[in-house]
Amino acid sequence: MQRFIRERKTSYLRNVIISVLIFLLIFAGFGCGLTAMNKKMDQEEMQTLQNAITRSVTTCYTLEGSYPQSLGYLKKHYGLHYDENKYFVDYQPLGANIMPDITIIRKEADHR
């Protein structure tokens, strides 16, 4: 009856290769997850900056009756702060009673 029962010989090299492949798959999944999370955080950070600038512009219009003529005015009088090394903010005033055009661009030098 022993002829139908085979003893399985496990290969040490095969076990090492399988272990390394599993480790690499887990590591790659972790890396992809971190990349996706980082991208989402960057999007939320830009949205937060957009909201802060819009809120400052609206507050200025509410209190003073006109939109600010420069981004520097918002920084000086309304406490607007952002990382100028990370973002470029294009602020184009269109008139005293017209909402300015605000464009935020992430600088590539700090892009991950």
PDB file of N, CA and C in Angstrom:
ATOM      1  N   MET A   1       0.800  -1.203   0.000  1.00  0.00           N
ATOM      2  CA  MET A   1       0.000   0.000   0.000  1.00  0.00           C
ATOM      3  C   MET A   1       0.842   1.264   0.000  1.00  0.00           C
ATOM      4  N   GLN A   2       2.058   1.162   0.214  1.00  0.00           N
ATOM      5  CA  GLN A   2       2.922   2.328   0.239  1.00  0.00           C
ATOM      6  C   GLN A   2       3.129   2.938  -1.145  1.00  0.00           C
ATOM      7  N   ARG A   3       2.831   2.208  -2.184  1.00  0.00           N
ATOM      8  CA  ARG A   3       3.093   2.755  -3.503  1.00  0.00           C
ATOM      9  C   ARG A   3       2.141   3.889  -3.887  1.00  0.00           C
ATOM     10  N   PHE A   4       0.976   4.021  -3.246  1.00  0.00           N
ATOM     11  CA  PHE A   4       0.041   5.103  -3.542  1.00  0.00           C
ATOM     12  C   PHE A   4       0.245   6.336  -2.655  1.00  0.00           C
ATOM     13  N   ILE A   5       1.027   6.193  -1.671  1.00  0.00           N
ATOM     14  CA  ILE A   5       1.301   7.313  -0.770  1.00  0.00           C
ATOM     15  C   ILE A   5       2.677   7.868  -1.128  1.00  0.00           C
ATOM     16  N   ARG A   6       2.654   9.098  -1.591  1.00  0.00           N
ATOM     17  CA  ARG A   6       3.919   9.728  -1.953  1.00  0.00           C
ATOM     18  C   ARG A   6       4.336  10.698  -0.870  1.00  0.00           C
ATOM     19  N   GLU A   7       5.576  10.717  -0.653  1.00  0.00           N
ATOM     20  CA  GLU A   7       6.111  11.687   0.285  1.00  0.00           C
ATOM     21  C   GLU A   7       6.435  12.945  -0.512  1.00  0.00           C
ATOM     22  N   ARG A   8       5.861  14.065  -0.110  1.00  0.00           N
ATOM     23  CA  ARG A   8       6.106  15.315  -0.824  1.00  0.00           C
ATOM     24  C   ARG A   8       7.433  15.886  -0.366  1.00  0.00           C
ATOM     25  N   LYS A   9       8.257  16.142  -1.325  1.00  0.00           N
ATOM     26  CA  LYS A   9       9.523  16.787  -1.024  1.00  0.00           C
ATOM     27  C   LYS A   9       9.350  18.271  -1.333  1.00  0.00           C
ATOM     28  N   THR A  10       9.566  19.078  -0.352  1.00  0.00           N
ATOM     29  CA  THR A  10       9.450  20.514  -0.563  1.00  0.00           C
ATOM     30  C   THR A  10      10.818  21.068  -0.906  1.00  0.00           C
ATOM     31  N   SER A  11      10.813  21.879  -1.885  1.00  0.00           N
ATOM     32  CA  SER A  11      12.055  22.483  -2.331  1.00  0.00           C
ATOM     33  C   SER A  11      12.298  23.767  -1.539  1.00  0.00           C
ATOM     34  N   TYR A  12      13.467  23.883  -0.986  1.00  0.00           N
ATOM     35  CA  TYR A  12      13.834  25.066  -0.216  1.00  0.00           C
ATOM     36  C   TYR A  12      13.829  26.298  -1.121  1.00  0.00           C
ATOM     37  N   LEU A  13      14.371  26.165  -2.306  1.00  0.00           N
ATOM     38  CA  LEU A  13      14.438  27.285  -3.244  1.00  0.00           C
ATOM     39  C   LEU A  13      13.035  27.751  -3.646  1.00  0.00           C
ATOM     40  N   ARG A  14      12.141  26.810  -3.881  1.00  0.00           N
ATOM     41  CA  ARG A  14      10.767  27.171  -4.239  1.00  0.00           C
ATOM     42  C   ARG A  14      10.093  27.936  -3.098  1.00  0.00           C
ATOM     43  N   ASN A  15      10.293  27.520  -1.873  1.00  0.00           N
ATOM     44  CA  ASN A  15       9.702  28.204  -0.720  1.00  0.00           C
ATOM     45  C   ASN A  15      10.250  29.624  -0.579  1.00  0.00           C
ATOM     46  N   VAL A  16      11.535  29.793  -0.821  1.00  0.00           N
ATOM     47  CA  VAL A  16      12.137  31.123  -0.729  1.00  0.00           C
ATOM     48  C   VAL A  16      11.572  32.030  -1.818  1.00  0.00           C
ATOM     49  N   ILE A  17      11.467  31.523  -3.027  1.00  0.00           N
ATOM     50  CA  ILE A  17      10.942  32.322  -4.141  1.00  0.00           C
ATOM     51  C   ILE A  17       9.497  32.735  -3.879  1.00  0.00           C
ATOM     52  N   ILE A  18       8.691  31.821  -3.401  1.00  0.00           N
ATOM     53  CA  ILE A  18       7.288  32.135  -3.094  1.00  0.00           C
ATOM     54  C   ILE A  18       7.210  33.180  -1.984  1.00  0.00           C
ATOM     55  N   SER A  19       8.025  33.043  -0.958  1.00  0.00           N
ATOM     56  CA  SER A  19       8.031  34.014   0.141  1.00  0.00           C
ATOM     57  C   SER A  19       8.442  35.399  -0.343  1.00  0.00           C
ATOM     58  N   VAL A  20       9.461  35.455  -1.184  1.00  0.00           N
ATOM     59  CA  VAL A  20       9.917  36.743  -1.713  1.00  0.00           C
ATOM     60  C   VAL A  20       8.836  37.367  -2.594  1.00  0.00           C
ATOM     61  N   LEU A  21       8.178  36.576  -3.422  1.00  0.00           N
ATOM     62  CA  LEU A  21       7.113  37.102  -4.276  1.00  0.00           C
ATOM     63  C   LEU A  21       5.947  37.647  -3.455  1.00  0.00           C
ATOM     64  N   ILE A  22       5.575  36.936  -2.425  1.00  0.00           N
ATOM     65  CA  ILE A  22       4.490  37.408  -1.556  1.00  0.00           C
ATOM     66  C   ILE A  22       4.890  38.718  -0.884  1.00  0.00           C
ATOM     67  N   PHE A  23       6.134  38.787  -0.397  1.00  0.00           N
ATOM     68  CA  PHE A  23       6.618  40.017   0.226  1.00  0.00           C
ATOM     69  C   PHE A  23       6.582  41.176  -0.767  1.00  0.00           C
ATOM     70  N   LEU A  24       7.043  40.946  -1.996  1.00  0.00           N
ATOM     71  CA  LEU A  24       7.053  42.004  -3.004  1.00  0.00           C
ATOM     72  C   LEU A  24       5.641  42.459  -3.366  1.00  0.00           C
ATOM     73  N   LEU A  25       4.699  41.531  -3.426  1.00  0.00           N
ATOM     74  CA  LEU A  25       3.307  41.906  -3.701  1.00  0.00           C
ATOM     75  C   LEU A  25       2.732  42.772  -2.583  1.00  0.00           C
ATOM     76  N   ILE A  26       3.005  42.389  -1.352  1.00  0.00           N
ATOM     77  CA  ILE A  26       2.523  43.179  -0.210  1.00  0.00           C
ATOM     78  C   ILE A  26       3.174  44.558  -0.216  1.00  0.00           C
ATOM     79  N   PHE A  27       4.475  44.604  -0.475  1.00  0.00           N
ATOM     80  CA  PHE A  27       5.208  45.868  -0.516  1.00  0.00           C
ATOM     81  C   PHE A  27       4.684  46.770  -1.635  1.00  0.00           C
ATOM     82  N   ALA A  28       4.421  46.204  -2.809  1.00  0.00           N
ATOM     83  CA  ALA A  28       3.885  46.979  -3.931  1.00  0.00           C
ATOM     84  C   ALA A  28       2.486  47.510  -3.608  1.00  0.00           C
ATOM     85  N   GLY A  29       1.665  46.691  -2.978  1.00  0.00           N
ATOM     86  CA  GLY A  29       0.331  47.140  -2.579  1.00  0.00           C
ATOM     87  C   GLY A  29       0.398  48.280  -1.582  1.00  0.00           C
ATOM     88  N   PHE A  30       1.314  48.185  -0.643  1.00  0.00           N
ATOM     89  CA  PHE A  30       1.500  49.242   0.349  1.00  0.00           C
ATOM     90  C   PHE A  30       1.963  50.530  -0.333  1.00  0.00           C
ATOM     91  N   GLY A  31       2.892  50.403  -1.277  1.00  0.00           N
ATOM     92  CA  GLY A  31       3.381  51.573  -2.010  1.00  0.00           C
ATOM     93  C   GLY A  31       2.286  52.240  -2.822  1.00  0.00           C
ATOM     94  N   CYS A  32       1.463  51.446  -3.484  1.00  0.00           N
ATOM     95  CA  CYS A  32       0.344  52.000  -4.262  1.00  0.00           C
ATOM     96  C   CYS A  32      -0.654  52.707  -3.349  1.00  0.00           C
ATOM     97  N   GLY A  33      -0.894  52.133  -2.193  1.00  0.00           N
ATOM     98  CA  GLY A  33      -1.807  52.758  -1.235  1.00  0.00           C
ATOM     99  C   GLY A  33      -1.288  54.097  -0.745  1.00  0.00           C
ATOM    100  N   LEU A  34       0.008  54.167  -0.461  1.00  0.00           N
ATOM    101  CA  LEU A  34       0.599  55.429  -0.019  1.00  0.00           C
ATOM    102  C   LEU A  34       0.547  56.486  -1.116  1.00  0.00           C
ATOM    103  N   THR A  35       0.796  56.081  -2.338  1.00  0.00           N
ATOM    104  CA  THR A  35       0.747  57.017  -3.459  1.00  0.00           C
ATOM    105  C   THR A  35      -0.665  57.572  -3.640  1.00  0.00           C
ATOM    106  N   ALA A  36      -1.653  56.710  -3.568  1.00  0.00           N
ATOM    107  CA  ALA A  36      -3.046  57.152  -3.712  1.00  0.00           C
ATOM    108  C   ALA A  36      -3.443  58.084  -2.573  1.00  0.00           C
ATOM    109  N   MET A  37      -3.019  57.759  -1.360  1.00  0.00           N
ATOM    110  CA  MET A  37      -3.344  58.589  -0.205  1.00  0.00           C
ATOM    111  C   MET A  37      -2.668  59.958  -0.328  1.00  0.00           C
ATOM    112  N   ASN A  38      -1.424  59.983  -0.795  1.00  0.00           N
ATOM    113  CA  ASN A  38      -0.695  61.230  -0.965  1.00  0.00           C
ATOM    114  C   ASN A  38      -1.355  62.113  -2.024  1.00  0.00           C
ATOM    115  N   LYS A  39      -1.806  61.512  -3.096  1.00  0.00           N
ATOM    116  CA  LYS A  39      -2.484  62.257  -4.157  1.00  0.00           C
ATOM    117  C   LYS A  39      -3.789  62.867  -3.640  1.00  0.00           C
ATOM    118  N   LYS A  40      -4.525  62.097  -2.864  1.00  0.00           N
ATOM    119  CA  LYS A  40      -5.785  62.583  -2.291  1.00  0.00           C
ATOM    120  C   LYS A  40      -5.526  63.743  -1.330  1.00  0.00           C
ATOM    121  N   MET A  41      -4.466  63.629  -0.524  1.00  0.00           N
ATOM    122  CA  MET A  41      -4.132  64.703   0.413  1.00  0.00           C
ATOM    123  C   MET A  41      -3.751  65.979  -0.332  1.00  0.00           C
ATOM    124  N   ASP A  42      -3.022  65.852  -1.437  1.00  0.00           N
ATOM    125  CA  ASP A  42      -2.655  67.019  -2.234  1.00  0.00           C
ATOM    126  C   ASP A  42      -3.890  67.699  -2.815  1.00  0.00           C
ATOM    127  N   GLN A  43      -4.845  66.909  -3.282  1.00  0.00           N
ATOM    128  CA  GLN A  43      -6.079  67.477  -3.827  1.00  0.00           C
ATOM    129  C   GLN A  43      -6.854  68.217  -2.742  1.00  0.00           C
ATOM    130  N   GLU A  44      -6.921  67.629  -1.561  1.00  0.00           N
ATOM    131  CA  GLU A  44      -7.638  68.271  -0.460  1.00  0.00           C
ATOM    132  C   GLU A  44      -6.928  69.543  -0.009  1.00  0.00           C
ATOM    133  N   GLU A  45      -5.600  69.532  -0.044  1.00  0.00           N
ATOM    134  CA  GLU A  45      -4.831  70.712   0.341  1.00  0.00           C
ATOM    135  C   GLU A  45      -5.083  71.866  -0.634  1.00  0.00           C
ATOM    136  N   MET A  46      -5.127  71.562  -1.923  1.00  0.00           N
ATOM    137  CA  MET A  46      -5.428  72.604  -2.914  1.00  0.00           C
ATOM    138  C   MET A  46      -6.846  73.136  -2.741  1.00  0.00           C
ATOM    139  N   GLN A  47      -7.784  72.249  -2.447  1.00  0.00           N
ATOM    140  CA  GLN A  47      -9.170  72.676  -2.234  1.00  0.00           C
ATOM    141  C   GLN A  47      -9.274  73.554  -0.985  1.00  0.00           C
ATOM    142  N   THR A  48      -8.535  73.215   0.051  1.00  0.00           N
ATOM    143  CA  THR A  48      -8.527  74.020   1.271  1.00  0.00           C
ATOM    144  C   THR A  48      -7.965  75.410   0.996  1.00  0.00           C
ATOM    145  N   LEU A  49      -6.890  75.482   0.212  1.00  0.00           N
ATOM    146  CA  LEU A  49      -6.318  76.782  -0.157  1.00  0.00           C
ATOM    147  C   LEU A  49      -7.315  77.594  -0.978  1.00  0.00           C
ATOM    148  N   GLN A  50      -7.981  76.955  -1.921  1.00  0.00           N
ATOM    149  CA  GLN A  50      -8.996  77.647  -2.730  1.00  0.00           C
ATOM    150  C   GLN A  50     -10.103  78.203  -1.835  1.00  0.00           C
ATOM    151  N   ASN A  51     -10.565  77.401  -0.888  1.00  0.00           N
ATOM    152  CA  ASN A  51     -11.615  77.853   0.036  1.00  0.00           C
ATOM    153  C   ASN A  51     -11.134  79.012   0.902  1.00  0.00           C
ATOM    154  N   ALA A  52      -9.883  78.948   1.381  1.00  0.00           N
ATOM    155  CA  ALA A  52      -9.346  80.010   2.234  1.00  0.00           C
ATOM    156  C   ALA A  52      -9.246  81.330   1.470  1.00  0.00           C
ATOM    157  N   ILE A  53      -8.777  81.274   0.238  1.00  0.00           N
ATOM    158  CA  ILE A  53      -8.660  82.501  -0.557  1.00  0.00           C
ATOM    159  C   ILE A  53     -10.041  83.068  -0.866  1.00  0.00           C
ATOM    160  N   THR A  54     -10.964  82.210  -1.263  1.00  0.00           N
ATOM    161  CA  THR A  54     -12.327  82.663  -1.559  1.00  0.00           C
ATOM    162  C   THR A  54     -12.981  83.270  -0.318  1.00  0.00           C
ATOM    163  N   ARG A  55     -12.773  82.633   0.828  1.00  0.00           N
ATOM    164  CA  ARG A  55     -13.341  83.153   2.079  1.00  0.00           C
ATOM    165  C   ARG A  55     -12.745  84.526   2.411  1.00  0.00           C
ATOM    166  N   SER A  56     -11.431  84.688   2.232  1.00  0.00           N
ATOM    167  CA  SER A  56     -10.784  85.971   2.510  1.00  0.00           C
ATOM    168  C   SER A  56     -11.284  87.059   1.562  1.00  0.00           C
ATOM    169  N   VAL A  57     -11.423  86.727   0.291  1.00  0.00           N
ATOM    170  CA  VAL A  57     -11.918  87.688  -0.704  1.00  0.00           C
ATOM    171  C   VAL A  57     -13.344  88.103  -0.369  1.00  0.00           C
ATOM    172  N   THR A  58     -14.170  87.140  -0.021  1.00  0.00           N
ATOM    173  CA  THR A  58     -15.568  87.426   0.315  1.00  0.00           C
ATOM    174  C   THR A  58     -15.669  88.261   1.590  1.00  0.00           C
ATOM    175  N   THR A  59     -14.848  87.943   2.574  1.00  0.00           N
ATOM    176  CA  THR A  59     -14.842  88.719   3.819  1.00  0.00           C
ATOM    177  C   THR A  59     -14.433  90.159   3.548  1.00  0.00           C
ATOM    178  N   CYS A  60     -13.409  90.341   2.730  1.00  0.00           N
ATOM    179  CA  CYS A  60     -12.965  91.691   2.373  1.00  0.00           C
ATOM    180  C   CYS A  60     -14.089  92.456   1.676  1.00  0.00           C
ATOM    181  N   TYR A  61     -14.766  91.813   0.749  1.00  0.00           N
ATOM    182  CA  TYR A  61     -15.865  92.469   0.034  1.00  0.00           C
ATOM    183  C   TYR A  61     -16.998  92.833   0.997  1.00  0.00           C
ATOM    184  N   THR A  62     -17.272  91.938   1.931  1.00  0.00           N
ATOM    185  CA  THR A  62     -18.348  92.178   2.892  1.00  0.00           C
ATOM    186  C   THR A  62     -18.027  93.356   3.808  1.00  0.00           C
ATOM    187  N   LEU A  63     -16.791  93.417   4.288  1.00  0.00           N
ATOM    188  CA  LEU A  63     -16.417  94.455   5.248  1.00  0.00           C
ATOM    189  C   LEU A  63     -16.091  95.796   4.593  1.00  0.00           C
ATOM    190  N   GLU A  64     -15.491  95.767   3.413  1.00  0.00           N
ATOM    191  CA  GLU A  64     -15.007  97.004   2.807  1.00  0.00           C
ATOM    192  C   GLU A  64     -15.834  97.474   1.610  1.00  0.00           C
ATOM    193  N   GLY A  65     -16.686  96.619   1.080  1.00  0.00           N
ATOM    194  CA  GLY A  65     -17.535  97.020  -0.037  1.00  0.00           C
ATOM    195  C   GLY A  65     -16.896  96.866  -1.402  1.00  0.00           C
ATOM    196  N   SER A  66     -15.668  96.372  -1.453  1.00  0.00           N
ATOM    197  CA  SER A  66     -15.018  96.124  -2.746  1.00  0.00           C
ATOM    198  C   SER A  66     -14.055  94.952  -2.587  1.00  0.00           C
ATOM    199  N   TYR A  67     -13.778  94.311  -3.709  1.00  0.00           N
ATOM    200  CA  TYR A  67     -12.847  93.185  -3.677  1.00  0.00           C
ATOM    201  C   TYR A  67     -11.418  93.708  -3.585  1.00  0.00           C
ATOM    202  N   PRO A  68     -10.533  92.964  -2.947  1.00  0.00           N
ATOM    203  CA  PRO A  68      -9.143  93.426  -2.829  1.00  0.00           C
ATOM    204  C   PRO A  68      -8.461  93.475  -4.197  1.00  0.00           C
ATOM    205  N   GLN A  69      -7.557  94.432  -4.362  1.00  0.00           N
ATOM    206  CA  GLN A  69      -6.872  94.612  -5.640  1.00  0.00           C
ATOM    207  C   GLN A  69      -5.648  93.714  -5.798  1.00  0.00           C
ATOM    208  N   SER A  70      -5.204  93.092  -4.703  1.00  0.00           N
ATOM    209  CA  SER A  70      -4.033  92.214  -4.813  1.00  0.00           C
ATOM    210  C   SER A  70      -4.096  91.115  -3.755  1.00  0.00           C
ATOM    211  N   LEU A  71      -3.337  90.076  -4.016  1.00  0.00           N
ATOM    212  CA  LEU A  71      -3.225  88.980  -3.058  1.00  0.00           C
ATOM    213  C   LEU A  71      -2.452  89.439  -1.825  1.00  0.00           C
ATOM    214  N   GLY A  72      -1.511  90.344  -2.027  1.00  0.00           N
ATOM    215  CA  GLY A  72      -0.739  90.897  -0.911  1.00  0.00           C
ATOM    216  C   GLY A  72      -1.627  91.602   0.105  1.00  0.00           C
ATOM    217  N   TYR A  73      -2.675  92.248  -0.367  1.00  0.00           N
ATOM    218  CA  TYR A  73      -3.615  92.918   0.534  1.00  0.00           C
ATOM    219  C   TYR A  73      -4.303  91.898   1.436  1.00  0.00           C
ATOM    220  N   LEU A  74      -4.668  90.764   0.864  1.00  0.00           N
ATOM    221  CA  LEU A  74      -5.298  89.705   1.669  1.00  0.00           C
ATOM    222  C   LEU A  74      -4.317  89.150   2.692  1.00  0.00           C
ATOM    223  N   LYS A  75      -3.070  89.005   2.297  1.00  0.00           N
ATOM    224  CA  LYS A  75      -2.056  88.494   3.224  1.00  0.00           C
ATOM    225  C   LYS A  75      -1.841  89.464   4.382  1.00  0.00           C
ATOM    226  N   LYS A  76      -1.777  90.747   4.054  1.00  0.00           N
ATOM    227  CA  LYS A  76      -1.477  91.752   5.070  1.00  0.00           C
ATOM    228  C   LYS A  76      -2.653  92.015   6.007  1.00  0.00           C
ATOM    229  N   HIS A  77      -3.849  92.145   5.458  1.00  0.00           N
ATOM    230  CA  HIS A  77      -4.990  92.584   6.263  1.00  0.00           C
ATOM    231  C   HIS A  77      -5.932  91.462   6.706  1.00  0.00           C
ATOM    232  N   TYR A  78      -5.891  90.317   6.047  1.00  0.00           N
ATOM    233  CA  TYR A  78      -6.841  89.254   6.377  1.00  0.00           C
ATOM    234  C   TYR A  78      -6.171  87.950   6.792  1.00  0.00           C
ATOM    235  N   GLY A  79      -4.872  87.987   6.992  1.00  0.00           N
ATOM    236  CA  GLY A  79      -4.159  86.835   7.553  1.00  0.00           C
ATOM    237  C   GLY A  79      -4.078  85.618   6.653  1.00  0.00           C
ATOM    238  N   LEU A  80      -4.100  85.821   5.353  1.00  0.00           N
ATOM    239  CA  LEU A  80      -3.995  84.691   4.432  1.00  0.00           C
ATOM    240  C   LEU A  80      -2.550  84.207   4.390  1.00  0.00           C
ATOM    241  N   HIS A  81      -2.350  82.913   4.651  1.00  0.00           N
ATOM    242  CA  HIS A  81      -1.018  82.305   4.608  1.00  0.00           C
ATOM    243  C   HIS A  81      -1.101  81.021   3.810  1.00  0.00           C
ATOM    244  N   TYR A  82      -0.099  80.795   2.974  1.00  0.00           N
ATOM    245  CA  TYR A  82       0.014  79.531   2.250  1.00  0.00           C
ATOM    246  C   TYR A  82       1.480  79.332   1.879  1.00  0.00           C
ATOM    247  N   ASP A  83       1.828  78.135   1.504  1.00  0.00           N
ATOM    248  CA  ASP A  83       3.203  77.793   1.153  1.00  0.00           C
ATOM    249  C   ASP A  83       3.492  78.265  -0.272  1.00  0.00           C
ATOM    250  N   GLU A  84       4.200  79.382  -0.389  1.00  0.00           N
ATOM    251  CA  GLU A  84       4.482  79.956  -1.700  1.00  0.00           C
ATOM    252  C   GLU A  84       5.500  79.131  -2.481  1.00  0.00           C
ATOM    253  N   ASN A  85       6.245  78.284  -1.804  1.00  0.00           N
ATOM    254  CA  ASN A  85       7.180  77.395  -2.491  1.00  0.00           C
ATOM    255  C   ASN A  85       6.461  76.210  -3.125  1.00  0.00           C
ATOM    256  N   LYS A  86       5.264  75.931  -2.644  1.00  0.00           N
ATOM    257  CA  LYS A  86       4.501  74.772  -3.108  1.00  0.00           C
ATOM    258  C   LYS A  86       3.430  75.144  -4.125  1.00  0.00           C
ATOM    259  N   TYR A  87       2.857  76.346  -3.980  1.00  0.00           N
ATOM    260  CA  TYR A  87       1.746  76.757  -4.839  1.00  0.00           C
ATOM    261  C   TYR A  87       2.001  78.122  -5.463  1.00  0.00           C
ATOM    262  N   PHE A  88       1.559  78.264  -6.698  1.00  0.00           N
ATOM    263  CA  PHE A  88       1.531  79.562  -7.366  1.00  0.00           C
ATOM    264  C   PHE A  88       0.067  79.977  -7.439  1.00  0.00           C
ATOM    265  N   VAL A  89      -0.227  81.161  -6.921  1.00  0.00           N
ATOM    266  CA  VAL A  89      -1.601  81.664  -6.942  1.00  0.00           C
ATOM    267  C   VAL A  89      -1.652  82.860  -7.886  1.00  0.00           C
ATOM    268  N   ASP A  90      -2.439  82.734  -8.936  1.00  0.00           N
ATOM    269  CA  ASP A  90      -2.645  83.823  -9.889  1.00  0.00           C
ATOM    270  C   ASP A  90      -3.931  84.538  -9.494  1.00  0.00           C
ATOM    271  N   TYR A  91      -3.794  85.783  -9.077  1.00  0.00           N
ATOM    272  CA  TYR A  91      -4.924  86.576  -8.606  1.00  0.00           C
ATOM    273  C   TYR A  91      -5.125  87.729  -9.584  1.00  0.00           C
ATOM    274  N   GLN A  92      -6.226  87.716 -10.309  1.00  0.00           N
ATOM    275  CA  GLN A  92      -6.513  88.740 -11.313  1.00  0.00           C
ATOM    276  C   GLN A  92      -7.777  89.506 -10.919  1.00  0.00           C
ATOM    277  N   PRO A  93      -7.603  90.716 -10.368  1.00  0.00           N
ATOM    278  CA  PRO A  93      -8.796  91.511 -10.046  1.00  0.00           C
ATOM    279  C   PRO A  93      -9.462  92.000 -11.332  1.00  0.00           C
ATOM    280  N   LEU A  94     -10.768  91.916 -11.371  1.00  0.00           N
ATOM    281  CA  LEU A  94     -11.523  92.301 -12.567  1.00  0.00           C
ATOM    282  C   LEU A  94     -12.259  93.619 -12.382  1.00  0.00           C
ATOM    283  N   GLY A  95     -12.320  94.097 -11.165  1.00  0.00           N
ATOM    284  CA  GLY A  95     -13.009  95.346 -10.861  1.00  0.00           C
ATOM    285  C   GLY A  95     -13.353  95.371  -9.386  1.00  0.00           C
ATOM    286  N   ALA A  96     -13.793  96.531  -8.918  1.00  0.00           N
ATOM    287  CA  ALA A  96     -14.083  96.679  -7.495  1.00  0.00           C
ATOM    288  C   ALA A  96     -15.265  95.824  -7.050  1.00  0.00           C
ATOM    289  N   ASN A  97     -16.233  95.608  -7.952  1.00  0.00           N
ATOM    290  CA  ASN A  97     -17.428  94.861  -7.577  1.00  0.00           C
ATOM    291  C   ASN A  97     -17.593  93.560  -8.352  1.00  0.00           C
ATOM    292  N   ILE A  98     -16.513  93.077  -8.943  1.00  0.00           N
ATOM    293  CA  ILE A  98     -16.544  91.808  -9.670  1.00  0.00           C
ATOM    294  C   ILE A  98     -15.555  90.860  -9.006  1.00  0.00           C
ATOM    295  N   MET A  99     -16.025  89.663  -8.718  1.00  0.00           N
ATOM    296  CA  MET A  99     -15.175  88.658  -8.061  1.00  0.00           C
ATOM    297  C   MET A  99     -13.906  88.424  -8.890  1.00  0.00           C
ATOM    298  N   PRO A 100     -12.741  88.509  -8.261  1.00  0.00           N
ATOM    299  CA  PRO A 100     -11.488  88.299  -9.002  1.00  0.00           C
ATOM    300  C   PRO A 100     -11.348  86.861  -9.494  1.00  0.00           C
ATOM    301  N   ASP A 101     -10.537  86.703 -10.535  1.00  0.00           N
ATOM    302  CA  ASP A 101     -10.234  85.379 -11.076  1.00  0.00           C
ATOM    303  C   ASP A 101      -9.055  84.818 -10.285  1.00  0.00           C
ATOM    304  N   ILE A 102      -9.251  83.667  -9.665  1.00  0.00           N
ATOM    305  CA  ILE A 102      -8.219  83.058  -8.823  1.00  0.00           C
ATOM    306  C   ILE A 102      -7.864  81.694  -9.402  1.00  0.00           C
ATOM    307  N   THR A 103      -6.581  81.503  -9.702  1.00  0.00           N
ATOM    308  CA  THR A 103      -6.094  80.228 -10.216  1.00  0.00           C
ATOM    309  C   THR A 103      -4.961  79.748  -9.324  1.00  0.00           C
ATOM    310  N   ILE A 104      -5.040  78.505  -8.892  1.00  0.00           N
ATOM    311  CA  ILE A 104      -4.000  77.923  -8.044  1.00  0.00           C
ATOM    312  C   ILE A 104      -3.315  76.817  -8.829  1.00  0.00           C
ATOM    313  N   ILE A 105      -1.992  76.897  -8.890  1.00  0.00           N
ATOM    314  CA  ILE A 105      -1.203  75.903  -9.611  1.00  0.00           C
ATOM    315  C   ILE A 105      -0.149  75.345  -8.668  1.00  0.00           C
ATOM    316  N   ARG A 106      -0.081  74.031  -8.626  1.00  0.00           N
ATOM    317  CA  ARG A 106       0.934  73.381  -7.801  1.00  0.00           C
ATOM    318  C   ARG A 106       2.262  73.436  -8.540  1.00  0.00           C
ATOM    319  N   LYS A 107       3.309  73.896  -7.855  1.00  0.00           N
ATOM    320  CA  LYS A 107       4.633  73.968  -8.467  1.00  0.00           C
ATOM    321  C   LYS A 107       5.222  72.571  -8.560  1.00  0.00           C
ATOM    322  N   GLU A 108       5.865  72.265  -9.664  1.00  0.00           N
ATOM    323  CA  GLU A 108       6.405  70.928  -9.916  1.00  0.00           C
ATOM    324  C   GLU A 108       7.644  70.614  -9.093  1.00  0.00           C
ATOM    325  N   ALA A 109       8.368  71.613  -8.626  1.00  0.00           N
ATOM    326  CA  ALA A 109       9.614  71.370  -7.893  1.00  0.00           C
ATOM    327  C   ALA A 109       9.379  70.548  -6.637  1.00  0.00           C
ATOM    328  N   ASP A 110       8.209  70.709  -6.014  1.00  0.00           N
ATOM    329  CA  ASP A 110       7.921  69.996  -4.771  1.00  0.00           C
ATOM    330  C   ASP A 110       6.999  68.813  -5.009  1.00  0.00           C
ATOM    331  N   HIS A 111       6.703  68.532  -6.261  1.00  0.00           N
ATOM    332  CA  HIS A 111       5.772  67.444  -6.566  1.00  0.00           C
ATOM    333  C   HIS A 111       6.399  66.096  -6.250  1.00  0.00           C
ATOM    334  N   ARG A 112       5.629  65.244  -5.576  1.00  0.00           N
ATOM    335  CA  ARG A 112       6.147  63.939  -5.155  1.00  0.00           C
ATOM    336  C   ARG A 112       5.836  62.929  -6.180  1.00  0.00           C
TER     337      ARG A 112
END
